[in-house]
Amino acid sequence: MQNLQSSQDYDNYLKNYINRYIVTSFKGRGRYDKEYFDNMSSAKKYKDHLIRMGERAVVYGISKPPHTILEVNVLMENL
């Protein structure tokens, strides 16, 4: 792993290894729905649809960087 200077650098590093996306929508106290997508454009369209329907939703990228065996969720901001 390269020498990263800030949390933004680490987020950008993780975004280089995203292999799928997840849209998470809030359904009530402690309840969430999740939908998986292979590309960002489909995830964004689905998130926008949910928001138009009055729901709260966010897109996460699921990253699999080489420095860990675990998947890391990255919040995809400013879509």
PDB file of N, CA and C in Angstrom:
ATOM      1  N   MET A   1       0.851  -1.177   0.000  1.00  0.00           N
ATOM      2  CA  MET A   1       0.000   0.000   0.000  1.00  0.00           C
ATOM      3  C   MET A   1       0.890   1.232   0.000  1.00  0.00           C
ATOM      4  N   GLN A   2       0.524   2.192  -0.759  1.00  0.00           N
ATOM      5  CA  GLN A   2       1.301   3.425  -0.875  1.00  0.00           C
ATOM      6  C   GLN A   2       1.163   4.291   0.371  1.00  0.00           C
ATOM      7  N   ASN A   3       2.073   5.250   0.524  1.00  0.00           N
ATOM      8  CA  ASN A   3       2.041   6.158   1.668  1.00  0.00           C
ATOM      9  C   ASN A   3       0.929   7.181   1.461  1.00  0.00           C
ATOM     10  N   LEU A   4      -0.112   7.095   2.281  1.00  0.00           N
ATOM     11  CA  LEU A   4      -1.267   7.979   2.149  1.00  0.00           C
ATOM     12  C   LEU A   4      -1.208   9.048   3.224  1.00  0.00           C
ATOM     13  N   GLN A   5      -1.516  10.290   2.845  1.00  0.00           N
ATOM     14  CA  GLN A   5      -1.376  11.417   3.751  1.00  0.00           C
ATOM     15  C   GLN A   5      -2.670  11.814   4.460  1.00  0.00           C
ATOM     16  N   SER A   6      -3.822  11.427   3.925  1.00  0.00           N
ATOM     17  CA  SER A   6      -5.089  11.859   4.518  1.00  0.00           C
ATOM     18  C   SER A   6      -6.163  10.800   4.298  1.00  0.00           C
ATOM     19  N   SER A   7      -7.281  10.990   4.965  1.00  0.00           N
ATOM     20  CA  SER A   7      -8.398  10.063   4.788  1.00  0.00           C
ATOM     21  C   SER A   7      -8.951  10.148   3.362  1.00  0.00           C
ATOM     22  N   GLN A   8      -8.877  11.323   2.755  1.00  0.00           N
ATOM     23  CA  GLN A   8      -9.331  11.478   1.369  1.00  0.00           C
ATOM     24  C   GLN A   8      -8.437  10.660   0.425  1.00  0.00           C
ATOM     25  N   ASP A   9      -7.141  10.646   0.685  1.00  0.00           N
ATOM     26  CA  ASP A   9      -6.229   9.817  -0.112  1.00  0.00           C
ATOM     27  C   ASP A   9      -6.594   8.339   0.014  1.00  0.00           C
ATOM     28  N   TYR A  10      -6.914   7.912   1.237  1.00  0.00           N
ATOM     29  CA  TYR A  10      -7.290   6.509   1.463  1.00  0.00           C
ATOM     30  C   TYR A  10      -8.592   6.177   0.743  1.00  0.00           C
ATOM     31  N   ASP A  11      -9.588   7.072   0.796  1.00  0.00           N
ATOM     32  CA  ASP A  11     -10.836   6.848   0.067  1.00  0.00           C
ATOM     33  C   ASP A  11     -10.579   6.725  -1.433  1.00  0.00           C
ATOM     34  N   ASN A  12      -9.737   7.593  -1.970  1.00  0.00           N
ATOM     35  CA  ASN A  12      -9.406   7.528  -3.396  1.00  0.00           C
ATOM     36  C   ASN A  12      -8.685   6.227  -3.734  1.00  0.00           C
ATOM     37  N   TYR A  13      -7.804   5.775  -2.852  1.00  0.00           N
ATOM     38  CA  TYR A  13      -7.113   4.495  -3.031  1.00  0.00           C
ATOM     39  C   TYR A  13      -8.138   3.354  -3.084  1.00  0.00           C
ATOM     40  N   LEU A  14      -9.086   3.355  -2.145  1.00  0.00           N
ATOM     41  CA  LEU A  14     -10.100   2.298  -2.114  1.00  0.00           C
ATOM     42  C   LEU A  14     -10.989   2.323  -3.358  1.00  0.00           C
ATOM     43  N   LYS A  15     -11.286   3.505  -3.854  1.00  0.00           N
ATOM     44  CA  LYS A  15     -12.149   3.626  -5.042  1.00  0.00           C
ATOM     45  C   LYS A  15     -11.511   3.005  -6.277  1.00  0.00           C
ATOM     46  N   ASN A  16     -10.191   2.883  -6.290  1.00  0.00           N
ATOM     47  CA  ASN A  16      -9.509   2.232  -7.419  1.00  0.00           C
ATOM     48  C   ASN A  16      -9.781   0.736  -7.475  1.00  0.00           C
ATOM     49  N   TYR A  17     -10.274   0.145  -6.386  1.00  0.00           N
ATOM     50  CA  TYR A  17     -10.473  -1.300  -6.310  1.00  0.00           C
ATOM     51  C   TYR A  17     -11.937  -1.697  -6.124  1.00  0.00           C
ATOM     52  N   ILE A  18     -12.857  -0.809  -6.450  1.00  0.00           N
ATOM     53  CA  ILE A  18     -14.281  -1.123  -6.333  1.00  0.00           C
ATOM     54  C   ILE A  18     -14.673  -2.126  -7.405  1.00  0.00           C
ATOM     55  N   ASN A  19     -15.392  -3.181  -6.976  1.00  0.00           N
ATOM     56  CA  ASN A  19     -15.826  -4.183  -7.948  1.00  0.00           C
ATOM     57  C   ASN A  19     -17.339  -4.298  -8.068  1.00  0.00           C
ATOM     58  N   ARG A  20     -18.087  -3.662  -7.150  1.00  0.00           N
ATOM     59  CA  ARG A  20     -19.548  -3.592  -7.277  1.00  0.00           C
ATOM     60  C   ARG A  20     -20.055  -2.482  -6.360  1.00  0.00           C
ATOM     61  N   TYR A  21     -21.332  -2.203  -6.493  1.00  0.00           N
ATOM     62  CA  TYR A  21     -21.942  -1.093  -5.755  1.00  0.00           C
ATOM     63  C   TYR A  21     -23.181  -1.591  -5.033  1.00  0.00           C
ATOM     64  N   ILE A  22     -23.524  -0.915  -3.950  1.00  0.00           N
ATOM     65  CA  ILE A  22     -24.705  -1.267  -3.181  1.00  0.00           C
ATOM     66  C   ILE A  22     -25.486   0.005  -2.871  1.00  0.00           C
ATOM     67  N   VAL A  23     -26.797  -0.054  -3.064  1.00  0.00           N
ATOM     68  CA  VAL A  23     -27.671   1.047  -2.681  1.00  0.00           C
ATOM     69  C   VAL A  23     -28.391   0.604  -1.421  1.00  0.00           C
ATOM     70  N   THR A  24     -28.229   1.380  -0.357  1.00  0.00           N
ATOM     71  CA  THR A  24     -28.856   1.087   0.918  1.00  0.00           C
ATOM     72  C   THR A  24     -29.932   2.128   1.169  1.00  0.00           C
ATOM     73  N   SER A  25     -31.142   1.657   1.454  1.00  0.00           N
ATOM     74  CA  SER A  25     -32.247   2.579   1.730  1.00  0.00           C
ATOM     75  C   SER A  25     -32.796   2.307   3.128  1.00  0.00           C
ATOM     76  N   PHE A  26     -33.118   3.390   3.817  1.00  0.00           N
ATOM     77  CA  PHE A  26     -33.625   3.326   5.184  1.00  0.00           C
ATOM     78  C   PHE A  26     -35.116   3.008   5.156  1.00  0.00           C
ATOM     79  N   LYS A  27     -35.509   1.950   5.879  1.00  0.00           N
ATOM     80  CA  LYS A  27     -36.906   1.508   5.887  1.00  0.00           C
ATOM     81  C   LYS A  27     -37.592   1.712   7.230  1.00  0.00           C
ATOM     82  N   GLY A  28     -36.890   2.196   8.190  1.00  0.00           N
ATOM     83  CA  GLY A  28     -37.462   2.385   9.521  1.00  0.00           C
ATOM     84  C   GLY A  28     -36.425   2.044  10.570  1.00  0.00           C
ATOM     85  N   ARG A  29     -36.795   2.193  11.783  1.00  0.00           N
ATOM     86  CA  ARG A  29     -35.876   2.016  12.896  1.00  0.00           C
ATOM     87  C   ARG A  29     -35.089   0.702  12.811  1.00  0.00           C
ATOM     88  N   GLY A  30     -33.818   0.807  12.463  1.00  0.00           N
ATOM     89  CA  GLY A  30     -32.947  -0.358  12.388  1.00  0.00           C
ATOM     90  C   GLY A  30     -33.164  -1.258  11.194  1.00  0.00           C
ATOM     91  N   ARG A  31     -33.941  -0.824  10.204  1.00  0.00           N
ATOM     92  CA  ARG A  31     -34.230  -1.655   9.039  1.00  0.00           C
ATOM     93  C   ARG A  31     -33.751  -0.975   7.767  1.00  0.00           C
ATOM     94  N   TYR A  32     -33.034  -1.718   6.952  1.00  0.00           N
ATOM     95  CA  TYR A  32     -32.495  -1.200   5.701  1.00  0.00           C
ATOM     96  C   TYR A  32     -32.686  -2.243   4.605  1.00  0.00           C
ATOM     97  N   ASP A  33     -32.931  -1.784   3.389  1.00  0.00           N
ATOM     98  CA  ASP A  33     -32.925  -2.649   2.206  1.00  0.00           C
ATOM     99  C   ASP A  33     -31.627  -2.405   1.465  1.00  0.00           C
ATOM    100  N   LYS A  34     -31.107  -3.463   0.843  1.00  0.00           N
ATOM    101  CA  LYS A  34     -29.876  -3.349   0.081  1.00  0.00           C
ATOM    102  C   LYS A  34     -30.082  -3.961  -1.295  1.00  0.00           C
ATOM    103  N   GLU A  35     -29.612  -3.255  -2.302  1.00  0.00           N
ATOM    104  CA  GLU A  35     -29.638  -3.744  -3.683  1.00  0.00           C
ATOM    105  C   GLU A  35     -28.228  -3.611  -4.250  1.00  0.00           C
ATOM    106  N   TYR A  36     -27.751  -4.658  -4.909  1.00  0.00           N
ATOM    107  CA  TYR A  36     -26.389  -4.679  -5.453  1.00  0.00           C
ATOM    108  C   TYR A  36     -26.404  -4.410  -6.953  1.00  0.00           C
ATOM    109  N   PHE A  37     -25.357  -3.728  -7.436  1.00  0.00           N
ATOM    110  CA  PHE A  37     -25.234  -3.375  -8.855  1.00  0.00           C
ATOM    111  C   PHE A  37     -23.791  -3.581  -9.311  1.00  0.00           C
ATOM    112  N   ASP A  38     -23.645  -3.876 -10.595  1.00  0.00           N
ATOM    113  CA  ASP A  38     -22.309  -4.070 -11.167  1.00  0.00           C
ATOM    114  C   ASP A  38     -21.659  -2.773 -11.610  1.00  0.00           C
ATOM    115  N   ASN A  39     -22.448  -1.731 -11.805  1.00  0.00           N
ATOM    116  CA  ASN A  39     -21.853  -0.466 -12.256  1.00  0.00           C
ATOM    117  C   ASN A  39     -22.475   0.715 -11.523  1.00  0.00           C
ATOM    118  N   MET A  40     -21.735   1.795 -11.497  1.00  0.00           N
ATOM    119  CA  MET A  40     -22.124   2.983 -10.753  1.00  0.00           C
ATOM    120  C   MET A  40     -23.365   3.653 -11.342  1.00  0.00           C
ATOM    121  N   SER A  41     -23.476   3.666 -12.658  1.00  0.00           N
ATOM    122  CA  SER A  41     -24.604   4.367 -13.274  1.00  0.00           C
ATOM    123  C   SER A  41     -25.938   3.716 -12.903  1.00  0.00           C
ATOM    124  N   SER A  42     -25.997   2.396 -12.871  1.00  0.00           N
ATOM    125  CA  SER A  42     -27.237   1.712 -12.472  1.00  0.00           C
ATOM    126  C   SER A  42     -27.556   1.973 -11.012  1.00  0.00           C
ATOM    127  N   ALA A  43     -26.544   1.960 -10.165  1.00  0.00           N
ATOM    128  CA  ALA A  43     -26.750   2.227  -8.737  1.00  0.00           C
ATOM    129  C   ALA A  43     -27.250   3.646  -8.525  1.00  0.00           C
ATOM    130  N   LYS A  44     -26.677   4.599  -9.241  1.00  0.00           N
ATOM    131  CA  LYS A  44     -27.079   5.996  -9.097  1.00  0.00           C
ATOM    132  C   LYS A  44     -28.528   6.199  -9.565  1.00  0.00           C
ATOM    133  N   LYS A  45     -28.894   5.571 -10.684  1.00  0.00           N
ATOM    134  CA  LYS A  45     -30.272   5.677 -11.182  1.00  0.00           C
ATOM    135  C   LYS A  45     -31.264   5.118 -10.173  1.00  0.00           C
ATOM    136  N   TYR A  46     -30.925   3.989  -9.569  1.00  0.00           N
ATOM    137  CA  TYR A  46     -31.810   3.379  -8.582  1.00  0.00           C
ATOM    138  C   TYR A  46     -31.910   4.259  -7.338  1.00  0.00           C
ATOM    139  N   LYS A  47     -30.778   4.802  -6.876  1.00  0.00           N
ATOM    140  CA  LYS A  47     -30.789   5.699  -5.711  1.00  0.00           C
ATOM    141  C   LYS A  47     -31.649   6.927  -5.990  1.00  0.00           C
ATOM    142  N   ASP A  48     -31.488   7.522  -7.165  1.00  0.00           N
ATOM    143  CA  ASP A  48     -32.292   8.698  -7.527  1.00  0.00           C
ATOM    144  C   ASP A  48     -33.781   8.368  -7.567  1.00  0.00           C
ATOM    145  N   HIS A  49     -34.116   7.181  -8.060  1.00  0.00           N
ATOM    146  CA  HIS A  49     -35.520   6.742  -8.084  1.00  0.00           C
ATOM    147  C   HIS A  49     -36.072   6.646  -6.664  1.00  0.00           C
ATOM    148  N   LEU A  50     -35.307   6.040  -5.756  1.00  0.00           N
ATOM    149  CA  LEU A  50     -35.758   5.917  -4.372  1.00  0.00           C
ATOM    150  C   LEU A  50     -35.961   7.286  -3.732  1.00  0.00           C
ATOM    151  N   ILE A  51     -35.068   8.210  -4.002  1.00  0.00           N
ATOM    152  CA  ILE A  51     -35.182   9.554  -3.422  1.00  0.00           C
ATOM    153  C   ILE A  51     -36.413  10.267  -3.965  1.00  0.00           C
ATOM    154  N   ARG A  52     -36.699  10.102  -5.272  1.00  0.00           N
ATOM    155  CA  ARG A  52     -37.908  10.690  -5.845  1.00  0.00           C
ATOM    156  C   ARG A  52     -39.168  10.109  -5.197  1.00  0.00           C
ATOM    157  N   MET A  53     -39.092   8.871  -4.737  1.00  0.00           N
ATOM    158  CA  MET A  53     -40.220   8.216  -4.080  1.00  0.00           C
ATOM    159  C   MET A  53     -40.305   8.579  -2.591  1.00  0.00           C
ATOM    160  N   GLY A  54     -39.398   9.458  -2.131  1.00  0.00           N
ATOM    161  CA  GLY A  54     -39.448   9.928  -0.752  1.00  0.00           C
ATOM    162  C   GLY A  54     -38.635   9.127   0.242  1.00  0.00           C
ATOM    163  N   GLU A  55     -37.802   8.231  -0.235  1.00  0.00           N
ATOM    164  CA  GLU A  55     -36.983   7.423   0.666  1.00  0.00           C
ATOM    165  C   GLU A  55     -35.603   8.051   0.841  1.00  0.00           C
ATOM    166  N   ARG A  56     -34.927   7.628   1.891  1.00  0.00           N
ATOM    167  CA  ARG A  56     -33.543   8.042   2.107  1.00  0.00           C
ATOM    168  C   ARG A  56     -32.641   6.919   1.635  1.00  0.00           C
ATOM    169  N   ALA A  57     -31.676   7.241   0.774  1.00  0.00           N
ATOM    170  CA  ALA A  57     -30.819   6.203   0.193  1.00  0.00           C
ATOM    171  C   ALA A  57     -29.423   6.753  -0.060  1.00  0.00           C
ATOM    172  N   VAL A  58     -28.437   5.856   0.000  1.00  0.00           N
ATOM    173  CA  VAL A  58     -27.047   6.194  -0.308  1.00  0.00           C
ATOM    174  C   VAL A  58     -26.435   5.072  -1.134  1.00  0.00           C
ATOM    175  N   VAL A  59     -25.358   5.415  -1.850  1.00  0.00           N
ATOM    176  CA  VAL A  59     -24.619   4.439  -2.643  1.00  0.00           C
ATOM    177  C   VAL A  59     -23.263   4.212  -1.988  1.00  0.00           C
ATOM    178  N   TYR A  60     -22.909   2.940  -1.840  1.00  0.00           N
ATOM    179  CA  TYR A  60     -21.581   2.555  -1.379  1.00  0.00           C
ATOM    180  C   TYR A  60     -20.899   1.759  -2.474  1.00  0.00           C
ATOM    181  N   GLY A  61     -19.602   1.959  -2.609  1.00  0.00           N
ATOM    182  CA  GLY A  61     -18.798   1.112  -3.465  1.00  0.00           C
ATOM    183  C   GLY A  61     -18.195   0.024  -2.599  1.00  0.00           C
ATOM    184  N   ILE A  62     -18.190  -1.210  -3.096  1.00  0.00           N
ATOM    185  CA  ILE A  62     -17.596  -2.313  -2.349  1.00  0.00           C
ATOM    186  C   ILE A  62     -16.220  -2.565  -2.944  1.00  0.00           C
ATOM    187  N   SER A  63     -15.210  -2.232  -2.149  1.00  0.00           N
ATOM    188  CA  SER A  63     -13.824  -2.269  -2.593  1.00  0.00           C
ATOM    189  C   SER A  63     -13.137  -3.532  -2.074  1.00  0.00           C
ATOM    190  N   LYS A  64     -12.259  -4.097  -2.886  1.00  0.00           N
ATOM    191  CA  LYS A  64     -11.458  -5.256  -2.497  1.00  0.00           C
ATOM    192  C   LYS A  64      -9.991  -4.915  -2.750  1.00  0.00           C
ATOM    193  N   PRO A  65      -9.393  -4.059  -1.881  1.00  0.00           N
ATOM    194  CA  PRO A  65      -8.005  -3.642  -2.097  1.00  0.00           C
ATOM    195  C   PRO A  65      -7.026  -4.782  -1.800  1.00  0.00           C
ATOM    196  N   PRO A  66      -5.854  -4.745  -2.401  1.00  0.00           N
ATOM    197  CA  PRO A  66      -4.901  -5.845  -2.241  1.00  0.00           C
ATOM    198  C   PRO A  66      -4.279  -5.958  -0.844  1.00  0.00           C
ATOM    199  N   HIS A  67      -4.380  -4.925  -0.019  1.00  0.00           N
ATOM    200  CA  HIS A  67      -3.731  -4.980   1.297  1.00  0.00           C
ATOM    201  C   HIS A  67      -4.557  -5.700   2.359  1.00  0.00           C
ATOM    202  N   THR A  68      -5.767  -6.164   2.026  1.00  0.00           N
ATOM    203  CA  THR A  68      -6.613  -6.847   3.003  1.00  0.00           C
ATOM    204  C   THR A  68      -7.433  -7.935   2.323  1.00  0.00           C
ATOM    205  N   ILE A  69      -7.831  -8.930   3.100  1.00  0.00           N
ATOM    206  CA  ILE A  69      -8.692  -9.986   2.546  1.00  0.00           C
ATOM    207  C   ILE A  69     -10.160  -9.619   2.681  1.00  0.00           C
ATOM    208  N   LEU A  70     -10.446  -8.534   3.406  1.00  0.00           N
ATOM    209  CA  LEU A  70     -11.817  -8.108   3.643  1.00  0.00           C
ATOM    210  C   LEU A  70     -12.297  -7.107   2.595  1.00  0.00           C
ATOM    211  N   GLU A  71     -13.605  -7.085   2.375  1.00  0.00           N
ATOM    212  CA  GLU A  71     -14.193  -6.048   1.526  1.00  0.00           C
ATOM    213  C   GLU A  71     -14.398  -4.798   2.379  1.00  0.00           C
ATOM    214  N   VAL A  72     -14.229  -3.633   1.751  1.00  0.00           N
ATOM    215  CA  VAL A  72     -14.371  -2.357   2.441  1.00  0.00           C
ATOM    216  C   VAL A  72     -15.433  -1.542   1.726  1.00  0.00           C
ATOM    217  N   ASN A  73     -16.431  -1.043   2.464  1.00  0.00           N
ATOM    218  CA  ASN A  73     -17.468  -0.194   1.883  1.00  0.00           C
ATOM    219  C   ASN A  73     -16.997   1.249   1.866  1.00  0.00           C
ATOM    220  N   VAL A  74     -17.169   1.899   0.707  1.00  0.00           N
ATOM    221  CA  VAL A  74     -16.757   3.292   0.535  1.00  0.00           C
ATOM    222  C   VAL A  74     -17.988   4.101   0.160  1.00  0.00           C
ATOM    223  N   LEU A  75     -18.305   5.099   0.960  1.00  0.00           N
ATOM    224  CA  LEU A  75     -19.437   5.978   0.658  1.00  0.00           C
ATOM    225  C   LEU A  75     -19.121   6.767  -0.600  1.00  0.00           C
ATOM    226  N   MET A  76     -20.023   6.688  -1.581  1.00  0.00           N
ATOM    227  CA  MET A  76     -19.844   7.404  -2.847  1.00  0.00           C
ATOM    228  C   MET A  76     -20.581   8.724  -2.731  1.00  0.00           C
ATOM    229  N   GLU A  77     -19.863   9.789  -2.363  1.00  0.00           N
ATOM    230  CA  GLU A  77     -20.455  11.103  -2.150  1.00  0.00           C
ATOM    231  C   GLU A  77     -20.464  11.898  -3.440  1.00  0.00           C
ATOM    232  N   ASN A  78     -21.250  12.960  -3.459  1.00  0.00           N
ATOM    233  CA  ASN A  78     -21.284  13.912  -4.572  1.00  0.00           C
ATOM    234  C   ASN A  78     -21.550  13.233  -5.908  1.00  0.00           C
ATOM    235  N   LEU A  79     -22.610  12.462  -5.949  1.00  0.00           N
ATOM    236  CA  LEU A  79     -22.944  11.752  -7.191  1.00  0.00           C
ATOM    237  C   LEU A  79     -23.637  12.664  -8.167  1.00  0.00           C
TER     238      LEU A  79
END
